[in-house]
Amino acid sequence: MKKAPCLGIVGARNCSNYAVAAMKKTLDQRVTSQYVIVSGLAAGVDTLGHQLALAFRGQTIAVLGTGLNRFYPAANQSLQQQLASNQLVISEYGRGQGPLPFHFVERNRIIAGLCQKLLVVEARQKSGSLITASLALQNGRDVLAIPGAITNHASVGCNELIAAGAQPCLTTADLLGRVVI
């Protein structure tokens, strides 16, 4: 694994088509060549973050909320095995440890600690993604959020982060820290 800054990516497990399109617009080869992508291998946004890193031949770290020999969600078994072979998969839980609700909150602190920047993509008003954003801010990390429609309950968390001072993420340049006019 190359020594590079890490970009954490968190968001909705049941993400919308908008979230997928927004991630594909902002998370491109330029981003994955400059950042190691860190996420939690959950369904939805996490999975897509890992997949985009692989698609652009970048590097990615999966932080599990289970033991290394457990697959959660089960649909990500193949992806987890691929990441374990060619990337990095980490967990603080012992072999055989299954998913428990508090594991995911604990996992979020590791994601927040590893990253220099955190991107939040679709988050409800009360969500694990916002817990990760709070932990990232407490650790002095840059937090960015993809804005969403004010009528979409899955965008409330991101919109509130932006209202509280998080940087809106509209383009790849926002992730790279460059201003493009």
C-alpha atoms as a PDB file:
ATOM      1  CA  MET A   1       0.000   0.000   0.000  1.00  0.00           C
ATOM      2  CA  LYS A   2       1.434   3.381  -0.988  1.00  0.00           C
ATOM      3  CA  LYS A   3       1.841   6.139   1.556  1.00  0.00           C
ATOM      4  CA  ALA A   4      -0.881   8.612   0.668  1.00  0.00           C
ATOM      5  CA  PRO A   5      -3.521  10.645   2.463  1.00  0.00           C
ATOM      6  CA  CYS A   6      -6.828   8.898   3.042  1.00  0.00           C
ATOM      7  CA  LEU A   7     -10.296   9.990   1.966  1.00  0.00           C
ATOM      8  CA  GLY A   8     -13.050   8.476   4.056  1.00  0.00           C
ATOM      9  CA  ILE A   9     -16.376   7.871   2.343  1.00  0.00           C
ATOM     10  CA  VAL A  10     -19.578   7.227   4.277  1.00  0.00           C
ATOM     11  CA  GLY A  11     -23.258   7.432   3.495  1.00  0.00           C
ATOM     12  CA  ALA A  12     -26.577   5.710   3.111  1.00  0.00           C
ATOM     13  CA  ARG A  13     -26.817   1.949   2.865  1.00  0.00           C
ATOM     14  CA  ASN A  14     -29.942   2.321   0.735  1.00  0.00           C
ATOM     15  CA  CYS A  15     -28.502   5.065  -1.413  1.00  0.00           C
ATOM     16  CA  SER A  16     -30.426   6.659  -4.240  1.00  0.00           C
ATOM     17  CA  ASN A  17     -29.575   6.879  -7.917  1.00  0.00           C
ATOM     18  CA  TYR A  18     -28.658  10.506  -7.211  1.00  0.00           C
ATOM     19  CA  ALA A  19     -26.014   9.417  -4.666  1.00  0.00           C
ATOM     20  CA  VAL A  20     -24.548   6.952  -7.158  1.00  0.00           C
ATOM     21  CA  ALA A  21     -24.425   9.602  -9.904  1.00  0.00           C
ATOM     22  CA  ALA A  22     -22.923  12.182  -7.519  1.00  0.00           C
ATOM     23  CA  MET A  23     -20.207   9.754  -6.420  1.00  0.00           C
ATOM     24  CA  LYS A  24     -19.371   8.840 -10.000  1.00  0.00           C
ATOM     25  CA  LYS A  25     -19.111  12.540 -10.838  1.00  0.00           C
ATOM     26  CA  THR A  26     -16.845  13.480  -7.921  1.00  0.00           C
ATOM     27  CA  LEU A  27     -14.809  10.346  -7.219  1.00  0.00           C
ATOM     28  CA  ASP A  28     -12.731   9.828 -10.336  1.00  0.00           C
ATOM     29  CA  GLN A  29      -9.240   8.639 -11.280  1.00  0.00           C
ATOM     30  CA  ARG A  30      -7.658  11.916 -10.184  1.00  0.00           C
ATOM     31  CA  VAL A  31      -9.048  11.477  -6.679  1.00  0.00           C
ATOM     32  CA  THR A  32      -8.202   7.773  -6.407  1.00  0.00           C
ATOM     33  CA  SER A  33      -4.639   8.441  -7.578  1.00  0.00           C
ATOM     34  CA  GLN A  34      -4.116  10.986  -4.781  1.00  0.00           C
ATOM     35  CA  TYR A  35      -6.067   9.379  -1.936  1.00  0.00           C
ATOM     36  CA  VAL A  36      -6.468   5.929  -0.455  1.00  0.00           C
ATOM     37  CA  ILE A  37     -10.231   5.428  -0.141  1.00  0.00           C
ATOM     38  CA  VAL A  38     -11.345   4.317   3.347  1.00  0.00           C
ATOM     39  CA  SER A  39     -14.843   3.039   3.997  1.00  0.00           C
ATOM     40  CA  GLY A  40     -16.776   0.458   5.967  1.00  0.00           C
ATOM     41  CA  LEU A  41     -17.726  -2.108   3.295  1.00  0.00           C
ATOM     42  CA  ALA A  42     -21.415  -1.635   4.132  1.00  0.00           C
ATOM     43  CA  ALA A  43     -24.047  -1.786   1.404  1.00  0.00           C
ATOM     44  CA  GLY A  44     -24.671   1.311  -0.692  1.00  0.00           C
ATOM     45  CA  VAL A  45     -22.259   4.246  -0.547  1.00  0.00           C
ATOM     46  CA  ASP A  46     -19.442   2.290   1.148  1.00  0.00           C
ATOM     47  CA  THR A  47     -19.545  -0.476  -1.452  1.00  0.00           C
ATOM     48  CA  LEU A  48     -19.538   2.008  -4.318  1.00  0.00           C
ATOM     49  CA  GLY A  49     -16.579   3.880  -2.821  1.00  0.00           C
ATOM     50  CA  HIS A  50     -14.521   0.678  -2.720  1.00  0.00           C
ATOM     51  CA  GLN A  51     -15.668  -0.313  -6.216  1.00  0.00           C
ATOM     52  CA  LEU A  52     -14.763   3.064  -7.720  1.00  0.00           C
ATOM     53  CA  ALA A  53     -11.316   2.926  -6.118  1.00  0.00           C
ATOM     54  CA  LEU A  54     -10.767  -0.475  -7.720  1.00  0.00           C
ATOM     55  CA  ALA A  55     -12.193   0.617 -11.071  1.00  0.00           C
ATOM     56  CA  PHE A  56      -9.682   3.476 -11.242  1.00  0.00           C
ATOM     57  CA  ARG A  57      -6.831   1.261 -10.025  1.00  0.00           C
ATOM     58  CA  GLY A  58      -6.627   3.121  -6.756  1.00  0.00           C
ATOM     59  CA  GLN A  59      -6.132   1.774  -3.290  1.00  0.00           C
ATOM     60  CA  THR A  60      -8.776   1.202  -0.665  1.00  0.00           C
ATOM     61  CA  ILE A  61      -9.068   0.173   2.962  1.00  0.00           C
ATOM     62  CA  ALA A  62     -12.179  -1.580   4.278  1.00  0.00           C
ATOM     63  CA  VAL A  63     -12.856  -1.201   8.005  1.00  0.00           C
ATOM     64  CA  LEU A  64     -15.171  -3.976   9.152  1.00  0.00           C
ATOM     65  CA  GLY A  65     -17.717  -4.059  11.940  1.00  0.00           C
ATOM     66  CA  THR A  66     -17.264  -7.853  12.182  1.00  0.00           C
ATOM     67  CA  GLY A  67     -14.417 -10.330  12.420  1.00  0.00           C
ATOM     68  CA  LEU A  68     -12.269 -10.672   9.314  1.00  0.00           C
ATOM     69  CA  ASN A  69     -13.786 -14.038   8.450  1.00  0.00           C
ATOM     70  CA  ARG A  70     -17.378 -12.745   8.484  1.00  0.00           C
ATOM     71  CA  PHE A  71     -19.097 -11.163   5.507  1.00  0.00           C
ATOM     72  CA  TYR A  72     -21.545  -8.378   6.230  1.00  0.00           C
ATOM     73  CA  PRO A  73     -23.523  -7.786   4.222  1.00  0.00           C
ATOM     74  CA  ALA A  74     -23.345 -11.265   2.714  1.00  0.00           C
ATOM     75  CA  ALA A  75     -23.715  -9.729  -0.753  1.00  0.00           C
ATOM     76  CA  ASN A  76     -20.239  -8.182  -0.314  1.00  0.00           C
ATOM     77  CA  GLN A  77     -18.440 -11.494   0.275  1.00  0.00           C
ATOM     78  CA  SER A  78     -16.750 -11.448  -3.133  1.00  0.00           C
ATOM     79  CA  LEU A  79     -15.749  -7.788  -2.793  1.00  0.00           C
ATOM     80  CA  GLN A  80     -14.380  -8.362   0.718  1.00  0.00           C
ATOM     81  CA  GLN A  81     -12.337 -11.337  -0.510  1.00  0.00           C
ATOM     82  CA  GLN A  82     -10.999  -9.268  -3.417  1.00  0.00           C
ATOM     83  CA  LEU A  83     -10.022  -6.439  -1.065  1.00  0.00           C
ATOM     84  CA  ALA A  84      -8.393  -8.899   1.360  1.00  0.00           C
ATOM     85  CA  SER A  85      -6.281 -10.282  -1.517  1.00  0.00           C
ATOM     86  CA  ASN A  86      -5.258  -7.040  -3.201  1.00  0.00           C
ATOM     87  CA  GLN A  87      -5.981  -4.142  -0.833  1.00  0.00           C
ATOM     88  CA  LEU A  88      -6.406  -3.871   2.931  1.00  0.00           C
ATOM     89  CA  VAL A  89      -9.223  -5.112   5.157  1.00  0.00           C
ATOM     90  CA  ILE A  90      -9.000  -4.379   8.885  1.00  0.00           C
ATOM     91  CA  SER A  91     -11.084  -5.119  11.953  1.00  0.00           C
ATOM     92  CA  GLU A  92     -10.707  -4.770  15.679  1.00  0.00           C
ATOM     93  CA  TYR A  93     -13.006  -7.767  16.227  1.00  0.00           C
ATOM     94  CA  GLY A  94     -11.961 -11.389  16.669  1.00  0.00           C
ATOM     95  CA  ARG A  95     -12.554 -14.249  14.268  1.00  0.00           C
ATOM     96  CA  GLY A  96     -16.160 -15.262  14.066  1.00  0.00           C
ATOM     97  CA  GLN A  97     -17.466 -12.057  15.657  1.00  0.00           C
ATOM     98  CA  GLY A  98     -20.721 -11.201  13.964  1.00  0.00           C
ATOM     99  CA  PRO A  99     -22.281  -7.816  13.322  1.00  0.00           C
ATOM    100  CA  LEU A 100     -23.651  -6.046  16.381  1.00  0.00           C
ATOM    101  CA  PRO A 101     -25.163  -2.555  16.202  1.00  0.00           C
ATOM    102  CA  PHE A 102     -22.515  -0.933  18.411  1.00  0.00           C
ATOM    103  CA  HIS A 103     -19.706  -2.402  16.267  1.00  0.00           C
ATOM    104  CA  PHE A 104     -20.582  -0.029  13.466  1.00  0.00           C
ATOM    105  CA  VAL A 105     -20.363   3.040  15.678  1.00  0.00           C
ATOM    106  CA  GLU A 106     -16.999   1.778  16.933  1.00  0.00           C
ATOM    107  CA  ARG A 107     -15.880   1.088  13.361  1.00  0.00           C
ATOM    108  CA  ASN A 108     -16.773   4.666  12.417  1.00  0.00           C
ATOM    109  CA  ARG A 109     -14.174   6.050  14.821  1.00  0.00           C
ATOM    110  CA  ILE A 110     -11.479   4.092  12.969  1.00  0.00           C
ATOM    111  CA  ILE A 111     -12.632   5.450   9.601  1.00  0.00           C
ATOM    112  CA  ALA A 112     -12.623   8.992  11.032  1.00  0.00           C
ATOM    113  CA  GLY A 113      -9.171   8.456  12.519  1.00  0.00           C
ATOM    114  CA  LEU A 114      -7.590   7.092   9.348  1.00  0.00           C
ATOM    115  CA  CYS A 115      -8.801   9.777   6.952  1.00  0.00           C
ATOM    116  CA  GLN A 116      -7.538  13.302   6.369  1.00  0.00           C
ATOM    117  CA  LYS A 117     -10.809  14.172   4.587  1.00  0.00           C
ATOM    118  CA  LEU A 118     -14.254  12.668   4.987  1.00  0.00           C
ATOM    119  CA  LEU A 119     -16.933  12.744   2.305  1.00  0.00           C
ATOM    120  CA  VAL A 120     -20.524  12.213   3.440  1.00  0.00           C
ATOM    121  CA  VAL A 121     -22.918  11.074   0.710  1.00  0.00           C
ATOM    122  CA  GLU A 122     -26.613  10.913   1.646  1.00  0.00           C
ATOM    123  CA  ALA A 123     -27.209  10.811   5.372  1.00  0.00           C
ATOM    124  CA  ARG A 124     -30.418  10.897   7.328  1.00  0.00           C
ATOM    125  CA  GLN A 125     -30.691  13.337  10.208  1.00  0.00           C
ATOM    126  CA  LYS A 126     -29.708  10.586  12.666  1.00  0.00           C
ATOM    127  CA  SER A 127     -27.250   8.207  11.051  1.00  0.00           C
ATOM    128  CA  GLY A 128     -23.939   6.469  11.456  1.00  0.00           C
ATOM    129  CA  SER A 129     -22.564   8.734   8.740  1.00  0.00           C
ATOM    130  CA  LEU A 130     -23.176  11.784  10.918  1.00  0.00           C
ATOM    131  CA  ILE A 131     -21.518  10.031  13.852  1.00  0.00           C
ATOM    132  CA  THR A 132     -18.473   9.504  11.624  1.00  0.00           C
ATOM    133  CA  ALA A 133     -18.561  13.169  10.537  1.00  0.00           C
ATOM    134  CA  SER A 134     -18.692  14.292  14.171  1.00  0.00           C
ATOM    135  CA  LEU A 135     -15.740  12.064  15.059  1.00  0.00           C
ATOM    136  CA  ALA A 136     -13.808  13.350  12.039  1.00  0.00           C
ATOM    137  CA  LEU A 137     -14.404  16.952  13.094  1.00  0.00           C
ATOM    138  CA  GLN A 138     -13.302  16.152  16.654  1.00  0.00           C
ATOM    139  CA  ASN A 139     -10.073  14.792  15.140  1.00  0.00           C
ATOM    140  CA  GLY A 140      -9.457  17.914  13.039  1.00  0.00           C
ATOM    141  CA  ARG A 141     -10.358  16.295   9.721  1.00  0.00           C
ATOM    142  CA  ASP A 142     -11.868  18.140   6.762  1.00  0.00           C
ATOM    143  CA  VAL A 143     -15.517  17.162   6.268  1.00  0.00           C
ATOM    144  CA  LEU A 144     -17.254  17.515   2.923  1.00  0.00           C
ATOM    145  CA  ALA A 145     -20.851  16.652   2.097  1.00  0.00           C
ATOM    146  CA  ILE A 146     -22.720  16.167  -1.143  1.00  0.00           C
ATOM    147  CA  PRO A 147     -25.799  18.415  -0.988  1.00  0.00           C
ATOM    148  CA  GLY A 148     -29.178  16.969  -1.821  1.00  0.00           C
ATOM    149  CA  ALA A 149     -32.761  17.976  -2.407  1.00  0.00           C
ATOM    150  CA  ILE A 150     -34.386  19.591   0.629  1.00  0.00           C
ATOM    151  CA  THR A 151     -37.404  17.337   0.065  1.00  0.00           C
ATOM    152  CA  ASN A 152     -35.331  14.145   0.359  1.00  0.00           C
ATOM    153  CA  HIS A 153     -35.110  12.724   3.899  1.00  0.00           C
ATOM    154  CA  ALA A 154     -31.859  10.960   2.904  1.00  0.00           C
ATOM    155  CA  SER A 155     -30.249  14.362   2.253  1.00  0.00           C
ATOM    156  CA  VAL A 156     -31.160  16.067   5.528  1.00  0.00           C
ATOM    157  CA  GLY A 157     -27.936  15.048   7.264  1.00  0.00           C
ATOM    158  CA  CYS A 158     -25.674  16.267   4.439  1.00  0.00           C
ATOM    159  CA  ASN A 159     -27.573  19.522   4.069  1.00  0.00           C
ATOM    160  CA  GLU A 160     -27.377  20.145   7.817  1.00  0.00           C
ATOM    161  CA  LEU A 161     -23.625  19.421   7.782  1.00  0.00           C
ATOM    162  CA  ILE A 162     -23.206  22.032   5.052  1.00  0.00           C
ATOM    163  CA  ALA A 163     -25.352  24.535   6.965  1.00  0.00           C
ATOM    164  CA  ALA A 164     -23.105  23.948   9.993  1.00  0.00           C
ATOM    165  CA  GLY A 165     -19.948  24.676   7.997  1.00  0.00           C
ATOM    166  CA  ALA A 166     -18.960  21.485   6.158  1.00  0.00           C
ATOM    167  CA  GLN A 167     -17.678  22.100   2.648  1.00  0.00           C
ATOM    168  CA  PRO A 168     -20.177  21.233  -0.085  1.00  0.00           C
ATOM    169  CA  CYS A 169     -18.765  18.693  -2.514  1.00  0.00           C
ATOM    170  CA  LEU A 170     -19.950  19.542  -6.018  1.00  0.00           C
ATOM    171  CA  THR A 171     -17.004  18.483  -8.177  1.00  0.00           C
ATOM    172  CA  THR A 172     -13.798  16.486  -8.151  1.00  0.00           C
ATOM    173  CA  ALA A 173     -11.960  19.757  -7.526  1.00  0.00           C
ATOM    174  CA  ASP A 174     -13.650  20.022  -4.126  1.00  0.00           C
ATOM    175  CA  LEU A 175     -12.128  16.688  -3.096  1.00  0.00           C
ATOM    176  CA  LEU A 176      -8.729  17.643  -4.484  1.00  0.00           C
ATOM    177  CA  GLY A 177      -8.787  21.023  -2.740  1.00  0.00           C
ATOM    178  CA  ARG A 178      -8.558  23.085  -5.893  1.00  0.00           C
ATOM    179  CA  VAL A 179     -10.833  25.919  -6.884  1.00  0.00           C
ATOM    180  CA  VAL A 180     -12.095  25.697 -10.451  1.00  0.00           C
ATOM    181  CA  ILE A 181     -14.129  28.604 -11.848  1.00  0.00           C
END
